[in-house]
Amino acid sequence: MTSILFAIIAVLAIGEFLLFGALAEAYRDIRQIREQAELIDRATPVDLGRAYNRAPSEVGLDTRLDSAARAVVVYIDKRCGTCQMIASSLNGGVPRGIWLAVVSESAHEAFEWLAEAAISPDSESGRRVMAISPDEVERHLGEMVPTPLAIEIENGRLVRAKGIPSVRQFYSLVPTLITLSAPAEQEVSRS
């Protein structure tokens, strides 16, 4: 009786092992299909071309970025679905270190669209929003610029560009900001 029970347990263990192997193979196949269909949520490198290593103001961006140690400018367009999801995720605030370049015919039109995300021109976040016409984008960055497009700035120079496929990738771009300021004096109370 016990030998039959051991045999059953052994068959079940082997069956379970085979099922886990088949499941692992299925996950591997799904990943290969997603990679072939380019459905993996990864930022795609984009060639900056003649804009590489130039000052941000030379490509139509805000002059304050010329002195930025580290920043990211994200080009968004209201005709782009991913851009709309990014804008709706902002909830009134653009993360520090991120600037938005809204591809639009006017600043009024850009802020009208961003008003849905509770971003006004007078807010702190609104001061890091630029309206850039499609013609200006084409003149400075070339034709066929994908949106959303993130351009990384280091030491006042354009260094990298990436196409952003999702909101998650947008938030992964937020640079780490380091400040070198003296700590505030603290009062010590004596009891």
Protein backbone atom coordinates (compact mmCIF):
# COMPACT_ATOMS: atom_id res chain seq x y z
CA MET A 1 0.00 0.00 0.00
CA THR A 2 2.77 2.43 0.87
CA SER A 3 4.64 1.59 -2.34
CA ILE A 4 1.53 2.51 -4.36
CA LEU A 5 1.26 5.79 -2.44
CA PHE A 6 4.95 6.59 -3.13
CA ALA A 7 4.44 5.75 -6.80
CA ILE A 8 1.47 8.13 -7.00
CA ILE A 9 3.43 10.90 -5.26
CA ALA A 10 6.38 10.33 -7.63
CA VAL A 11 4.11 10.50 -10.70
CA LEU A 12 2.49 13.70 -9.38
CA ALA A 13 5.92 15.26 -8.68
CA ILE A 14 7.13 14.43 -12.17
CA GLY A 15 3.89 15.81 -13.65
CA GLU A 16 4.25 19.03 -11.64
CA PHE A 17 7.87 19.39 -12.76
CA LEU A 18 6.82 18.96 -16.41
CA LEU A 19 3.97 21.50 -16.03
CA PHE A 20 6.33 24.12 -14.57
CA GLY A 21 8.75 23.49 -17.46
CA ALA A 22 5.94 23.96 -19.99
CA LEU A 23 4.84 27.16 -18.23
CA ALA A 24 8.39 28.54 -18.29
CA GLU A 25 8.63 27.73 -22.01
CA ALA A 26 5.29 29.49 -22.65
CA TYR A 27 6.53 32.64 -20.87
CA ARG A 28 9.74 32.54 -22.92
CA ASP A 29 7.69 32.25 -26.14
CA ILE A 30 5.44 35.16 -25.13
CA ARG A 31 8.48 37.33 -24.44
CA GLN A 32 9.96 36.48 -27.85
CA ILE A 33 6.66 37.38 -29.53
CA ARG A 34 6.52 40.70 -27.66
CA GLU A 35 10.13 41.48 -28.64
CA GLN A 36 9.46 40.67 -32.31
CA ALA A 37 6.29 42.80 -32.30
CA GLU A 38 8.20 45.59 -30.48
CA LEU A 39 5.72 45.58 -27.59
CA ILE A 40 8.35 45.71 -24.84
CA ASP A 41 8.02 48.86 -22.72
CA ARG A 42 11.50 50.29 -23.38
CA ALA A 43 12.63 53.75 -24.34
CA THR A 44 14.04 53.75 -27.88
CA PRO A 45 17.24 55.71 -28.60
CA VAL A 46 16.76 58.52 -31.13
CA ASP A 47 19.63 60.13 -33.02
CA LEU A 48 19.97 63.83 -32.19
CA GLY A 49 21.77 64.46 -35.46
CA ARG A 50 23.06 68.00 -35.77
CA ALA A 51 21.48 68.95 -32.41
CA TYR A 52 23.89 66.70 -30.50
CA ASN A 53 26.13 68.59 -28.03
CA ARG A 54 24.49 71.93 -28.78
CA ALA A 55 23.17 74.34 -26.18
CA PRO A 56 19.40 73.99 -25.62
CA SER A 57 18.76 77.62 -26.68
CA GLU A 58 20.34 76.85 -30.06
CA VAL A 59 17.50 74.41 -30.79
CA GLY A 60 14.70 76.69 -29.62
CA LEU A 61 14.50 75.65 -25.97
CA ASP A 62 14.44 77.92 -22.91
CA THR A 63 17.73 79.74 -22.23
CA ARG A 64 17.63 78.66 -18.57
CA LEU A 65 18.43 75.13 -19.76
CA ASP A 66 21.81 76.37 -21.08
CA SER A 67 23.07 76.43 -17.49
CA ALA A 68 21.30 73.25 -16.29
CA ALA A 69 23.61 70.64 -14.79
CA ARG A 70 21.01 68.00 -15.56
CA ALA A 71 17.49 68.20 -17.02
CA VAL A 72 15.16 66.37 -19.38
CA VAL A 73 12.99 68.07 -21.99
CA VAL A 74 10.00 66.01 -23.11
CA TYR A 75 8.32 66.93 -26.39
CA ILE A 76 4.61 66.13 -26.27
CA ASP A 77 1.80 66.69 -28.76
CA LYS A 78 -1.93 66.57 -28.04
CA ARG A 79 -2.47 64.42 -31.19
CA CYS A 80 -0.36 61.64 -29.61
CA GLY A 81 -2.13 59.07 -27.41
CA THR A 82 0.85 58.40 -25.13
CA CYS A 83 1.36 62.18 -24.77
CA GLN A 84 -2.27 62.54 -23.68
CA MET A 85 -1.79 59.84 -21.04
CA ILE A 86 1.38 61.57 -19.80
CA ALA A 87 -0.38 64.94 -19.61
CA SER A 88 -3.35 63.49 -17.71
CA SER A 89 -0.99 61.79 -15.23
CA LEU A 90 0.63 65.10 -14.23
CA ASN A 91 -2.20 66.24 -11.92
CA GLY A 92 -1.03 69.84 -11.73
CA GLY A 93 2.69 69.20 -11.39
CA VAL A 94 5.61 68.46 -13.69
CA PRO A 95 8.35 66.53 -11.84
CA ARG A 96 11.42 68.61 -10.95
CA GLY A 97 14.14 68.32 -13.55
CA ILE A 98 11.58 67.72 -16.33
CA TRP A 99 10.60 70.42 -18.82
CA LEU A 100 7.75 70.03 -21.29
CA ALA A 101 8.00 71.23 -24.88
CA VAL A 102 4.43 71.18 -26.15
CA VAL A 103 4.27 70.94 -29.93
CA SER A 104 1.61 73.52 -30.61
CA GLU A 105 0.93 76.58 -32.77
CA SER A 106 0.74 78.88 -29.73
CA ALA A 107 1.38 79.05 -26.01
CA HIS A 108 -2.34 79.71 -25.48
CA GLU A 109 -3.25 76.48 -27.30
CA ALA A 110 -0.60 74.52 -25.34
CA PHE A 111 -1.81 75.73 -21.94
CA GLU A 112 -5.42 75.22 -22.95
CA TRP A 113 -4.59 71.54 -23.45
CA LEU A 114 -2.51 71.35 -20.24
CA ALA A 115 -5.33 73.00 -18.25
CA GLU A 116 -6.98 69.56 -18.30
CA ALA A 117 -3.96 68.39 -16.26
CA ALA A 118 -4.34 71.43 -13.94
CA ILE A 119 -1.14 73.11 -15.17
CA SER A 120 -1.38 76.87 -15.54
CA PRO A 121 1.22 79.23 -17.01
CA ASP A 122 1.63 80.97 -13.63
CA SER A 123 2.40 77.83 -11.63
CA GLU A 124 5.89 76.56 -10.84
CA SER A 125 5.32 73.68 -13.25
CA GLY A 126 3.94 76.04 -15.88
CA ARG A 127 7.21 77.97 -15.90
CA ARG A 128 8.87 74.77 -17.18
CA VAL A 129 6.53 74.46 -20.15
CA MET A 130 7.44 75.74 -23.61
CA ALA A 131 5.20 75.91 -26.67
CA ILE A 132 7.09 74.98 -29.84
CA SER A 133 5.54 75.01 -33.30
CA PRO A 134 5.85 71.94 -35.52
CA ASP A 135 7.90 74.03 -37.99
CA GLU A 136 10.35 74.99 -35.24
CA VAL A 137 10.73 71.36 -34.17
CA GLU A 138 11.41 70.31 -37.77
CA ARG A 139 13.92 73.15 -38.28
CA HIS A 140 15.93 72.33 -35.14
CA LEU A 141 15.57 68.54 -34.83
CA GLY A 142 14.73 67.41 -38.34
CA GLU A 143 11.74 65.75 -39.92
CA MET A 144 9.81 62.87 -38.41
CA VAL A 145 10.47 63.62 -34.73
CA PRO A 146 8.52 61.05 -32.68
CA THR A 147 6.48 62.17 -29.69
CA PRO A 148 6.79 61.78 -26.83
CA LEU A 149 10.50 62.45 -27.21
CA ALA A 150 12.81 62.97 -24.23
CA ILE A 151 16.04 64.90 -24.70
CA GLU A 152 18.53 64.68 -21.85
CA ILE A 153 20.62 67.74 -21.03
CA GLU A 154 23.87 67.54 -19.09
CA ASN A 155 26.00 70.59 -18.29
CA GLY A 156 24.02 72.77 -20.69
CA ARG A 157 24.38 70.42 -23.68
CA LEU A 158 21.98 68.05 -25.45
CA VAL A 159 23.44 64.58 -24.94
CA ARG A 160 20.79 61.90 -25.57
CA ALA A 161 17.30 61.49 -26.97
CA LYS A 162 14.77 58.69 -26.45
CA GLY A 163 11.31 57.87 -27.70
CA ILE A 164 9.06 57.24 -24.69
CA PRO A 165 6.51 54.40 -25.11
CA SER A 166 4.59 54.81 -21.83
CA VAL A 167 3.78 56.90 -18.77
CA ARG A 168 5.97 54.58 -16.70
CA GLN A 169 8.96 55.34 -18.91
CA PHE A 170 8.19 59.08 -18.65
CA TYR A 171 8.48 58.97 -14.86
CA SER A 172 11.63 56.85 -15.03
CA LEU A 173 13.32 59.82 -16.78
CA VAL A 174 13.05 62.10 -13.75
CA PRO A 175 16.66 63.10 -13.02
CA THR A 176 18.14 62.90 -9.56
CA LEU A 177 18.77 66.44 -8.46
CA ILE A 178 21.61 67.08 -6.06
CA THR A 179 21.99 70.38 -4.25
CA LEU A 180 25.09 71.47 -2.43
CA SER A 181 23.71 73.85 0.15
CA ALA A 182 24.66 74.21 3.78
CA PRO A 183 22.21 72.63 6.22
CA ALA A 184 19.99 75.06 8.10
CA GLU A 185 21.05 75.78 11.66
CA GLN A 186 19.06 73.82 14.15
CA GLU A 187 18.07 75.14 17.55
CA VAL A 188 18.68 72.90 20.48
CA SER A 189 16.25 73.31 23.32
CA ARG A 190 17.32 72.52 26.84
CA SER A 191 14.83 71.36 29.36
